[in-house]
Amino acid sequence: MSKIAADVSVVTSVGLDLAKHVFQVHAVDTGGKVIVAKALRRRDVLPFFAALPPCLVGMEASGSA
């Protein structure tokens, strides 16, 4: 599943599943509407978050992450 809305400036909360190589990202707006749902490679994580407004970020990881 890969979804990115045109306007990521409305993102208020992000869920990030940490892994070794591919990270799953799920971002929503204040109403809970999904703005982003996609997988990111390690090299793409920092540029992705740099483009977002200040927001709440929740992270989840397993022991192998």
C-alpha atoms as a PDB file:
ATOM      1  CA  MET A   1       0.000   0.000   0.000  1.00  0.00           C
ATOM      2  CA  SER A   2       1.470   3.319  -1.006  1.00  0.00           C
ATOM      3  CA  LYS A   3      -0.436   6.533  -0.528  1.00  0.00           C
ATOM      4  CA  ILE A   4       0.811  10.103  -0.409  1.00  0.00           C
ATOM      5  CA  ALA A   5      -1.600  13.027  -0.472  1.00  0.00           C
ATOM      6  CA  ALA A   6      -0.561  16.116  -2.382  1.00  0.00           C
ATOM      7  CA  ASP A   7      -0.404  18.264   0.765  1.00  0.00           C
ATOM      8  CA  VAL A   8       1.717  16.847   3.598  1.00  0.00           C
ATOM      9  CA  SER A   9       1.575  20.194   5.441  1.00  0.00           C
ATOM     10  CA  VAL A  10      -1.606  19.004   7.199  1.00  0.00           C
ATOM     11  CA  VAL A  11       0.079  16.005   8.861  1.00  0.00           C
ATOM     12  CA  THR A  12      -0.320  16.076  12.659  1.00  0.00           C
ATOM     13  CA  SER A  13       0.674  12.531  13.672  1.00  0.00           C
ATOM     14  CA  VAL A  14       3.056   9.968  12.216  1.00  0.00           C
ATOM     15  CA  GLY A  15       3.498   6.309  13.058  1.00  0.00           C
ATOM     16  CA  LEU A  16       6.891   4.880  12.130  1.00  0.00           C
ATOM     17  CA  ASP A  17       7.722   1.175  12.226  1.00  0.00           C
ATOM     18  CA  LEU A  18      11.499   0.948  12.490  1.00  0.00           C
ATOM     19  CA  ALA A  19      13.397  -1.784  10.665  1.00  0.00           C
ATOM     20  CA  LYS A  20      16.876  -2.443   9.322  1.00  0.00           C
ATOM     21  CA  HIS A  21      16.261  -1.381   5.717  1.00  0.00           C
ATOM     22  CA  VAL A  22      12.599  -0.527   4.998  1.00  0.00           C
ATOM     23  CA  PHE A  23      10.477   1.623   7.322  1.00  0.00           C
ATOM     24  CA  GLN A  24       6.672   1.703   7.246  1.00  0.00           C
ATOM     25  CA  VAL A  25       5.178   5.194   7.628  1.00  0.00           C
ATOM     26  CA  HIS A  26       1.558   6.098   8.370  1.00  0.00           C
ATOM     27  CA  ALA A  27       0.655   9.789   8.718  1.00  0.00           C
ATOM     28  CA  VAL A  28      -2.734  11.343   9.486  1.00  0.00           C
ATOM     29  CA  ASP A  29      -4.284  14.808   9.782  1.00  0.00           C
ATOM     30  CA  THR A  30      -6.295  16.197  12.712  1.00  0.00           C
ATOM     31  CA  GLY A  31      -9.424  14.389  11.548  1.00  0.00           C
ATOM     32  CA  GLY A  32      -7.667  11.034  11.291  1.00  0.00           C
ATOM     33  CA  LYS A  33      -7.629  11.036   7.485  1.00  0.00           C
ATOM     34  CA  VAL A  34      -4.680   9.058   6.121  1.00  0.00           C
ATOM     35  CA  ILE A  35      -2.284  11.408   4.339  1.00  0.00           C
ATOM     36  CA  VAL A  36       0.678   9.054   3.901  1.00  0.00           C
ATOM     37  CA  ALA A  37       0.871   5.256   4.043  1.00  0.00           C
ATOM     38  CA  LYS A  38       3.996   3.866   2.453  1.00  0.00           C
ATOM     39  CA  ALA A  39       7.303   2.108   2.865  1.00  0.00           C
ATOM     40  CA  LEU A  40      10.502   4.164   2.964  1.00  0.00           C
ATOM     41  CA  ARG A  41      14.044   3.002   2.483  1.00  0.00           C
ATOM     42  CA  ARG A  42      16.524   4.088   5.147  1.00  0.00           C
ATOM     43  CA  ARG A  43      18.006   6.806   2.904  1.00  0.00           C
ATOM     44  CA  ASP A  44      14.540   8.344   2.361  1.00  0.00           C
ATOM     45  CA  VAL A  45      13.468   8.681   6.022  1.00  0.00           C
ATOM     46  CA  LEU A  46      15.294  11.914   6.881  1.00  0.00           C
ATOM     47  CA  PRO A  47      14.192  13.799   3.731  1.00  0.00           C
ATOM     48  CA  PHE A  48      10.605  12.624   4.355  1.00  0.00           C
ATOM     49  CA  PHE A  49      10.526  14.020   7.910  1.00  0.00           C
ATOM     50  CA  ALA A  50      12.311  17.215   6.844  1.00  0.00           C
ATOM     51  CA  ALA A  51       9.362  17.969   4.540  1.00  0.00           C
ATOM     52  CA  LEU A  52       6.761  17.591   7.326  1.00  0.00           C
ATOM     53  CA  PRO A  53       5.535  20.283   9.711  1.00  0.00           C
ATOM     54  CA  PRO A  54       6.225  19.774  13.440  1.00  0.00           C
ATOM     55  CA  CYS A  55       4.074  16.809  14.501  1.00  0.00           C
ATOM     56  CA  LEU A  56       3.708  13.943  16.942  1.00  0.00           C
ATOM     57  CA  VAL A  57       5.785  10.875  15.997  1.00  0.00           C
ATOM     58  CA  GLY A  58       5.234   7.429  17.469  1.00  0.00           C
ATOM     59  CA  MET A  59       7.841   4.750  16.825  1.00  0.00           C
ATOM     60  CA  GLU A  60       7.607   0.982  17.064  1.00  0.00           C
ATOM     61  CA  ALA A  61      10.419  -1.518  16.651  1.00  0.00           C
ATOM     62  CA  SER A  62      11.039  -5.185  17.135  1.00  0.00           C
ATOM     63  CA  GLY A  63      14.215  -6.599  18.638  1.00  0.00           C
ATOM     64  CA  SER A  64      15.829  -7.008  15.229  1.00  0.00           C
ATOM     65  CA  ALA A  65      15.378  -3.373  14.146  1.00  0.00           C
END
